[in-house]
């Protein structure tokens, strides 16, 4: 076998083929990344909503014992209480309370119960809507 025949028989990928494959992978990643980040924001918002509902359950449980919400802001077990991302805060006064859950992506979810037993759920996704806060109500 001659050197020329041996060179032609060697198989492999050319530089152009490798660049095309890398370009295709880059395009697929550019398409998938925003979808992934959107799902991540929704998951973080879901966690904040769950924390808010858990805190409401803790407040209602305390109310059945004391018939007031003011001694109740001890919080629910296992929940981060505070004003930072991923934390939940409570303010209570007599027969009403406000629970604010802070999502890790910047949204806040609020549950307010007034003395006349009206419960409202609002969210703040400013400056741009992301995750599960779109329209101000959840």
Protein backbone atom coordinates (compact mmCIF):
# COMPACT_ATOMS: atom_id res chain seq x y z
CA UNK A 1 0.00 0.00 0.00
CA UNK A 2 1.41 3.38 -0.91
CA UNK A 3 1.55 6.42 1.36
CA UNK A 4 -1.08 8.21 -0.71
CA UNK A 5 -3.52 5.30 -0.46
CA UNK A 6 -2.92 4.98 3.28
CA UNK A 7 -3.63 8.72 3.81
CA UNK A 8 -6.91 8.49 1.92
CA UNK A 9 -8.05 5.45 3.89
CA UNK A 10 -7.70 7.22 7.27
CA UNK A 11 -11.12 8.33 8.39
CA UNK A 12 -12.08 11.13 10.76
CA UNK A 13 -13.89 14.40 11.08
CA UNK A 14 -12.83 17.56 9.32
CA UNK A 15 -12.55 20.86 11.13
CA UNK A 16 -15.67 22.14 9.34
CA UNK A 17 -17.73 19.16 10.56
CA UNK A 18 -16.61 19.71 14.15
CA UNK A 19 -17.42 23.43 13.98
CA UNK A 20 -20.90 22.66 12.60
CA UNK A 21 -21.60 20.20 15.43
CA UNK A 22 -20.43 22.69 18.07
CA UNK A 23 -22.58 25.39 16.46
CA UNK A 24 -25.66 23.13 16.57
CA UNK A 25 -25.03 22.31 20.23
CA UNK A 26 -24.69 26.04 20.98
CA UNK A 27 -28.00 26.82 19.25
CA UNK A 28 -29.79 24.07 21.17
CA UNK A 29 -28.35 25.35 24.45
CA UNK A 30 -29.46 28.91 23.62
CA UNK A 31 -33.00 27.64 23.06
CA UNK A 32 -33.13 25.45 26.17
CA UNK A 33 -31.52 27.81 28.70
CA UNK A 34 -34.36 30.41 28.91
CA UNK A 35 -36.92 27.62 29.29
CA UNK A 36 -34.86 26.10 32.10
CA UNK A 37 -34.48 29.43 33.88
CA UNK A 38 -38.23 30.07 33.57
CA UNK A 39 -38.98 26.73 35.22
CA UNK A 40 -36.46 27.52 37.96
CA UNK A 41 -38.22 30.83 38.70
CA UNK A 42 -41.59 29.06 38.82
CA UNK A 43 -40.19 26.49 41.25
CA UNK A 44 -38.81 29.22 43.52
CA UNK A 45 -42.19 30.98 43.43
CA UNK A 46 -43.96 27.70 44.19
CA UNK A 47 -41.76 27.28 47.25
CA UNK A 48 -42.57 30.82 48.44
CA UNK A 49 -46.31 30.24 47.97
CA UNK A 50 -46.08 26.99 49.89
CA UNK A 51 -44.25 28.76 52.72
CA UNK A 52 -46.96 31.44 52.84
CA UNK A 53 -49.73 28.84 53.04
CA UNK A 54 -47.83 26.91 55.72
CA UNK A 55 -47.45 30.08 57.77
CA UNK A 56 -51.19 30.77 57.39
CA UNK A 57 -51.91 27.28 58.72
CA UNK A 58 -49.63 27.96 61.70
CA UNK A 59 -51.40 31.28 62.34
CA UNK A 60 -54.86 29.70 62.17
CA UNK A 61 -53.73 26.88 64.47
CA UNK A 62 -52.47 29.39 67.01
CA UNK A 63 -55.70 31.39 66.72
CA UNK A 64 -57.75 28.36 67.76
CA UNK A 65 -55.82 28.28 71.03
CA UNK A 66 -55.62 32.00 71.84
CA UNK A 67 -58.45 33.55 69.77
CA UNK A 68 -56.02 36.25 68.62
CA UNK A 69 -53.30 36.39 65.98
CA UNK A 70 -50.89 38.66 67.91
CA UNK A 71 -49.10 36.06 69.99
CA UNK A 72 -48.72 33.86 66.92
CA UNK A 73 -45.80 35.07 64.81
CA UNK A 74 -43.54 32.31 66.13
CA UNK A 75 -43.75 30.78 62.67
CA UNK A 76 -44.20 27.32 61.36
CA UNK A 77 -41.65 24.64 62.21
CA UNK A 78 -38.89 24.17 59.65
CA UNK A 79 -39.53 27.47 57.86
CA UNK A 80 -37.05 30.32 57.46
CA UNK A 81 -38.58 33.41 59.08
CA UNK A 82 -37.31 36.82 58.03
CA UNK A 83 -37.29 39.38 55.24
CA UNK A 84 -34.60 37.93 52.99
CA UNK A 85 -34.95 35.86 49.82
CA UNK A 86 -36.49 32.47 50.58
CA UNK A 87 -37.87 33.66 53.92
CA UNK A 88 -41.37 34.41 55.21
CA UNK A 89 -42.47 37.23 57.51
CA UNK A 90 -45.64 37.73 59.53
CA UNK A 91 -47.28 40.77 61.07
CA UNK A 92 -50.33 40.16 63.24
CA UNK A 93 -52.70 42.40 65.12
CA UNK A 94 -55.76 41.11 66.99
CA UNK A 95 -58.07 39.53 64.42
CA UNK A 96 -55.97 40.19 61.31
CA UNK A 97 -52.61 39.25 59.88
CA UNK A 98 -50.37 39.65 56.86
CA UNK A 99 -48.01 36.93 55.68
CA UNK A 100 -45.33 37.89 53.15
CA UNK A 101 -43.24 35.19 51.49
CA UNK A 102 -40.13 36.31 49.62
CA UNK A 103 -39.21 34.17 46.63
CA UNK A 104 -35.54 33.62 45.84
CA UNK A 105 -36.04 35.23 42.43
CA UNK A 106 -37.32 38.55 43.80
CA UNK A 107 -41.10 38.09 43.76
CA UNK A 108 -43.10 38.54 46.96
CA UNK A 109 -46.36 36.72 47.73
CA UNK A 110 -48.71 38.21 50.31
CA UNK A 111 -51.72 36.73 52.11
CA UNK A 112 -53.76 39.24 54.11
CA UNK A 113 -56.68 38.38 56.38
CA UNK A 114 -58.76 41.29 57.66
CA UNK A 115 -60.91 41.45 60.78
CA UNK A 116 -64.04 40.84 58.68
CA UNK A 117 -62.53 37.50 57.51
CA UNK A 118 -61.65 38.60 53.96
CA UNK A 119 -58.54 36.88 52.65
CA UNK A 120 -56.61 38.38 49.74
CA UNK A 121 -53.63 36.97 47.90
CA UNK A 122 -51.42 39.36 46.00
CA UNK A 123 -47.97 39.18 44.48
CA UNK A 124 -45.38 41.68 43.38
CA UNK A 125 -43.19 40.72 40.45
CA UNK A 126 -41.76 44.18 39.82
CA UNK A 127 -39.84 45.38 37.92
CA UNK A 128 -40.45 42.57 35.42
CA UNK A 129 -42.90 39.69 35.68
CA UNK A 130 -41.08 36.38 36.08
CA UNK A 131 -41.97 33.06 37.57
CA UNK A 132 -45.56 32.78 38.74
CA UNK A 133 -46.39 36.42 39.45
CA UNK A 134 -48.15 37.88 36.47
CA UNK A 135 -51.06 40.22 37.04
CA UNK A 136 -50.61 40.80 40.77
CA UNK A 137 -52.94 38.04 42.05
CA UNK A 138 -52.19 34.38 42.77
